[in-house]
C-alpha atoms as a PDB file:
ATOM      1  CA  MET A   1      34.529 -40.239 -26.790  1.00  0.00           C
ATOM      2  CA  ILE A   2      31.977 -38.843 -24.322  1.00  0.00           C
ATOM      3  CA  GLU A   3      31.450 -40.653 -21.011  1.00  0.00           C
ATOM      4  CA  GLY A   4      28.363 -40.445 -18.833  1.00  0.00           C
ATOM      5  CA  ARG A   5      26.938 -42.110 -15.756  1.00  0.00           C
ATOM      6  CA  VAL A   6      23.487 -43.363 -14.775  1.00  0.00           C
ATOM      7  CA  ARG A   7      22.144 -41.334 -11.819  1.00  0.00           C
ATOM      8  CA  SER A   8      18.816 -43.124 -11.614  1.00  0.00           C
ATOM      9  CA  ILE A   9      16.733 -45.758 -13.376  1.00  0.00           C
ATOM     10  CA  ASN A  10      12.972 -45.304 -13.338  1.00  0.00           C
ATOM     11  CA  ILE A  11      10.175 -47.578 -14.543  1.00  0.00           C
ATOM     12  CA  SER A  12       6.395 -47.901 -14.343  1.00  0.00           C
ATOM     13  CA  ASN A  13       3.803 -50.245 -15.767  1.00  0.00           C
ATOM     14  CA  LYS A  14       1.532 -47.268 -16.546  1.00  0.00           C
ATOM     15  CA  LYS A  15       2.018 -43.895 -18.269  1.00  0.00           C
ATOM     16  CA  GLY A  16       3.171 -40.912 -16.241  1.00  0.00           C
ATOM     17  CA  ILE A  17       5.590 -40.614 -13.346  1.00  0.00           C
ATOM     18  CA  LYS A  18       7.948 -43.558 -12.917  1.00  0.00           C
ATOM     19  CA  PHE A  19       9.428 -45.008  -9.718  1.00  0.00           C
ATOM     20  CA  ARG A  20      13.129 -45.454  -9.004  1.00  0.00           C
ATOM     21  CA  VAL A  21      14.790 -48.875  -9.157  1.00  0.00           C
ATOM     22  CA  LYS A  22      18.441 -49.851  -8.580  1.00  0.00           C
ATOM     23  CA  LYS A  23      18.757 -51.907 -11.777  1.00  0.00           C
ATOM     24  CA  ALA A  24      16.812 -52.752 -14.908  1.00  0.00           C
ATOM     25  CA  PHE A  25      16.850 -55.532 -17.461  1.00  0.00           C
ATOM     26  CA  LEU A  26      16.781 -54.297 -21.052  1.00  0.00           C
ATOM     27  CA  ILE A  27      15.505 -56.567 -23.818  1.00  0.00           C
ATOM     28  CA  LYS A  28      16.792 -56.279 -27.393  1.00  0.00           C
ATOM     29  CA  ASN A  29      14.369 -54.432 -29.698  1.00  0.00           C
ATOM     30  CA  PHE A  30      11.830 -54.175 -26.872  1.00  0.00           C
ATOM     31  CA  GLY A  31      12.890 -51.953 -23.944  1.00  0.00           C
ATOM     32  CA  ILE A  32      13.022 -52.248 -20.164  1.00  0.00           C
ATOM     33  CA  LYS A  33      11.331 -55.280 -18.666  1.00  0.00           C
ATOM     34  CA  GLY A  34       8.256 -54.115 -16.726  1.00  0.00           C
ATOM     35  CA  ASP A  35       8.063 -50.616 -18.255  1.00  0.00           C
ATOM     36  CA  ILE A  36       4.965 -49.333 -20.077  1.00  0.00           C
ATOM     37  CA  HIS A  37       7.010 -48.086 -23.051  1.00  0.00           C
ATOM     38  CA  ALA A  38       8.610 -51.462 -23.790  1.00  0.00           C
ATOM     39  CA  LYS A  39       7.261 -52.488 -27.183  1.00  0.00           C
ATOM     40  CA  LYS A  40       8.757 -54.426 -30.059  1.00  0.00           C
ATOM     41  CA  ASN A  41       9.957 -52.197 -32.908  1.00  0.00           C
ATOM     42  CA  SER A  42       9.060 -48.955 -31.068  1.00  0.00           C
ATOM     43  CA  ARG A  43      11.319 -45.926 -31.592  1.00  0.00           C
ATOM     44  CA  ARG A  44      10.780 -44.926 -27.928  1.00  0.00           C
ATOM     45  CA  GLN A  45      11.702 -48.109 -26.046  1.00  0.00           C
ATOM     46  CA  VAL A  46      13.881 -46.244 -23.517  1.00  0.00           C
ATOM     47  CA  SER A  47      14.033 -42.573 -22.528  1.00  0.00           C
ATOM     48  CA  PHE A  48      16.866 -40.459 -21.110  1.00  0.00           C
ATOM     49  CA  LEU A  49      16.963 -37.006 -19.529  1.00  0.00           C
ATOM     50  CA  THR A  50      20.240 -35.318 -18.712  1.00  0.00           C
ATOM     51  CA  TYR A  51      20.852 -34.200 -15.165  1.00  0.00           C
ATOM     52  CA  SER A  52      21.598 -30.647 -16.363  1.00  0.00           C
ATOM     53  CA  GLU A  53      18.056 -30.394 -17.812  1.00  0.00           C
ATOM     54  CA  ILE A  54      16.547 -31.808 -14.617  1.00  0.00           C
ATOM     55  CA  LEU A  55      18.528 -29.263 -12.533  1.00  0.00           C
ATOM     56  CA  LYS A  56      17.081 -26.406 -14.611  1.00  0.00           C
ATOM     57  CA  MET A  57      13.601 -27.665 -13.807  1.00  0.00           C
ATOM     58  CA  LYS A  58      14.453 -28.131 -10.128  1.00  0.00           C
ATOM     59  CA  LYS A  59      15.490 -24.465  -9.937  1.00  0.00           C
ATOM     60  CA  LEU A  60      12.092 -23.486 -11.369  1.00  0.00           C
ATOM     61  CA  LEU A  61       9.852 -25.972  -9.578  1.00  0.00           C
ATOM     62  CA  GLY A  62      11.753 -26.776  -6.404  1.00  0.00           C
ATOM     63  CA  GLU A  63      11.594 -29.953  -4.389  1.00  0.00           C
ATOM     64  CA  LYS A  64       8.655 -31.537  -6.195  1.00  0.00           C
ATOM     65  CA  ILE A  65      11.150 -32.573  -8.881  1.00  0.00           C
ATOM     66  CA  LYS A  66      11.986 -36.193  -8.035  1.00  0.00           C
ATOM     67  CA  TYR A  67      13.517 -39.045 -10.027  1.00  0.00           C
ATOM     68  CA  GLY A  68      11.156 -40.213 -12.771  1.00  0.00           C
ATOM     69  CA  ILE A  69       8.799 -37.237 -12.513  1.00  0.00           C
ATOM     70  CA  PHE A  70       9.044 -36.529 -16.247  1.00  0.00           C
ATOM     71  CA  GLY A  71       8.495 -40.169 -17.166  1.00  0.00           C
ATOM     72  CA  GLU A  72      12.171 -40.697 -17.981  1.00  0.00           C
ATOM     73  CA  ASN A  73      13.732 -44.144 -17.655  1.00  0.00           C
ATOM     74  CA  PHE A  74      17.286 -42.891 -17.120  1.00  0.00           C
ATOM     75  CA  ASP A  75      18.555 -39.721 -15.463  1.00  0.00           C
ATOM     76  CA  VAL A  76      22.144 -39.398 -16.729  1.00  0.00           C
ATOM     77  CA  SER A  77      25.072 -37.114 -15.869  1.00  0.00           C
ATOM     78  CA  GLY A  78      28.327 -36.174 -17.567  1.00  0.00           C
ATOM     79  CA  VAL A  79      26.551 -35.578 -20.889  1.00  0.00           C
ATOM     80  CA  LYS A  80      24.364 -32.871 -22.401  1.00  0.00           C
ATOM     81  CA  THR A  81      21.254 -33.247 -24.543  1.00  0.00           C
ATOM     82  CA  LYS A  82      23.205 -31.861 -27.534  1.00  0.00           C
ATOM     83  CA  ASP A  83      25.654 -34.814 -27.252  1.00  0.00           C
ATOM     84  CA  PHE A  84      22.864 -37.163 -28.327  1.00  0.00           C
ATOM     85  CA  LYS A  85      22.200 -37.184 -32.070  1.00  0.00           C
ATOM     86  CA  LYS A  86      20.080 -39.639 -34.011  1.00  0.00           C
ATOM     87  CA  GLY A  87      22.112 -42.809 -34.589  1.00  0.00           C
ATOM     88  CA  VAL A  88      24.531 -42.289 -31.669  1.00  0.00           C
ATOM     89  CA  LYS A  89      25.155 -45.507 -29.751  1.00  0.00           C
ATOM     90  CA  VAL A  90      25.133 -45.601 -25.965  1.00  0.00           C
ATOM     91  CA  CYS A  91      27.443 -48.387 -24.780  1.00  0.00           C
ATOM     92  CA  PHE A  92      27.206 -49.334 -21.095  1.00  0.00           C
ATOM     93  CA  ASP A  93      30.040 -50.955 -19.134  1.00  0.00           C
ATOM     94  CA  SER A  94      27.736 -53.990 -18.703  1.00  0.00           C
ATOM     95  CA  GLY A  95      27.664 -54.512 -22.487  1.00  0.00           C
ATOM     96  CA  VAL A  96      24.138 -53.148 -23.065  1.00  0.00           C
ATOM     97  CA  ILE A  97      23.942 -51.042 -26.236  1.00  0.00           C
ATOM     98  CA  LEU A  98      21.230 -48.508 -27.092  1.00  0.00           C
ATOM     99  CA  ARG A  99      20.815 -46.310 -30.184  1.00  0.00           C
ATOM    100  CA  VAL A 100      19.366 -42.797 -30.198  1.00  0.00           C
ATOM    101  CA  GLU A 101      16.269 -42.669 -32.396  1.00  0.00           C
ATOM    102  CA  LYS A 102      14.741 -39.321 -31.574  1.00  0.00           C
ATOM    103  CA  ILE A 103      15.168 -36.152 -29.507  1.00  0.00           C
ATOM    104  CA  GLY A 104      11.923 -34.684 -28.178  1.00  0.00           C
ATOM    105  CA  LYS A 105       8.330 -35.818 -28.641  1.00  0.00           C
ATOM    106  CA  THR A 106       4.815 -34.556 -28.964  1.00  0.00           C
ATOM    107  CA  CYS A 107       2.947 -34.791 -25.673  1.00  0.00           C
ATOM    108  CA  PRO A 108      -0.796 -34.959 -25.198  1.00  0.00           C
ATOM    109  CA  SER A 109      -1.945 -31.664 -23.795  1.00  0.00           C
ATOM    110  CA  PRO A 110      -1.922 -31.560 -20.864  1.00  0.00           C
ATOM    111  CA  CYS A 111      -0.210 -34.839 -20.012  1.00  0.00           C
ATOM    112  CA  GLU A 112      -0.270 -36.315 -16.494  1.00  0.00           C
ATOM    113  CA  ILE A 113       3.265 -35.055 -15.872  1.00  0.00           C
ATOM    114  CA  PHE A 114       2.303 -31.522 -16.883  1.00  0.00           C
ATOM    115  CA  LYS A 115      -0.708 -31.678 -14.543  1.00  0.00           C
ATOM    116  CA  PHE A 116       1.520 -32.692 -11.625  1.00  0.00           C
ATOM    117  CA  ALA A 117       4.671 -30.648 -12.274  1.00  0.00           C
ATOM    118  CA  GLY A 118       3.179 -27.705 -14.153  1.00  0.00           C
ATOM    119  CA  MET A 119       5.441 -28.265 -17.149  1.00  0.00           C
ATOM    120  CA  CYS A 120       7.240 -31.022 -19.011  1.00  0.00           C
ATOM    121  CA  ILE A 121      10.676 -31.070 -20.612  1.00  0.00           C
ATOM    122  CA  MET A 122      10.286 -34.284 -22.617  1.00  0.00           C
ATOM    123  CA  PRO A 123       8.969 -32.494 -25.755  1.00  0.00           C
ATOM    124  CA  GLU A 124      12.307 -30.701 -26.193  1.00  0.00           C
ATOM    125  CA  SER A 125      14.850 -32.544 -24.061  1.00  0.00           C
ATOM    126  CA  GLY A 126      13.694 -36.156 -23.969  1.00  0.00           C
ATOM    127  CA  ILE A 127      16.114 -38.573 -25.624  1.00  0.00           C
ATOM    128  CA  PHE A 128      14.487 -41.707 -27.011  1.00  0.00           C
ATOM    129  CA  LEU A 129      16.409 -44.875 -27.759  1.00  0.00           C
ATOM    130  CA  THR A 130      16.051 -48.461 -28.920  1.00  0.00           C
ATOM    131  CA  VAL A 131      17.814 -51.478 -27.430  1.00  0.00           C
ATOM    132  CA  LEU A 132      20.406 -53.012 -29.784  1.00  0.00           C
ATOM    133  CA  LYS A 133      21.909 -55.379 -27.188  1.00  0.00           C
ATOM    134  CA  GLY A 134      20.087 -56.266 -23.994  1.00  0.00           C
ATOM    135  CA  GLY A 135      21.226 -57.045 -20.476  1.00  0.00           C
ATOM    136  CA  GLU A 136      21.232 -55.522 -17.019  1.00  0.00           C
ATOM    137  CA  VAL A 137      22.084 -51.883 -16.260  1.00  0.00           C
ATOM    138  CA  GLN A 138      22.615 -50.624 -12.711  1.00  0.00           C
ATOM    139  CA  GLU A 139      22.370 -47.239 -11.102  1.00  0.00           C
ATOM    140  CA  GLY A 140      25.828 -45.608 -11.105  1.00  0.00           C
ATOM    141  CA  GLU A 141      26.970 -47.499 -14.187  1.00  0.00           C
ATOM    142  CA  LYS A 142      29.138 -45.698 -16.749  1.00  0.00           C
ATOM    143  CA  PHE A 143      28.450 -45.506 -20.481  1.00  0.00           C
ATOM    144  CA  ASN A 144      30.090 -44.049 -23.581  1.00  0.00           C
ATOM    145  CA  LEU A 145      28.572 -42.309 -26.563  1.00  0.00           C
ATOM    146  CA  LEU A 146      29.907 -43.592 -29.879  1.00  0.00           C
END
């Protein structure tokens, strides 16, 4: 079993860079309450980026790399992108359960994030999930991959 931890939670009611929040309420088969990507039956209700991928970008781009800059909902540590395969369940200590639906995405060219940061890692490293069981998740919370 692989264990990870939530470093940050980020949301926005419009596309692009998200802002950091301490906790989020996830709704079954919908996404994060108040986030632009929350939609019933969507395959991209919630997005993750691993901290190791964010660190790579920080080395390239420096201090302009902040939480949520790539439009990710969760910045997570203790796990690598390769640990997430389609169908893997992410089970939080709070009882919230997500399922990996997709790794990577096609971005509009150039997207708002690319315009700001000069590059985007979501096309290759973004992890997209659906909410199987809702509830509240907090920054710092642990989760397991099953």
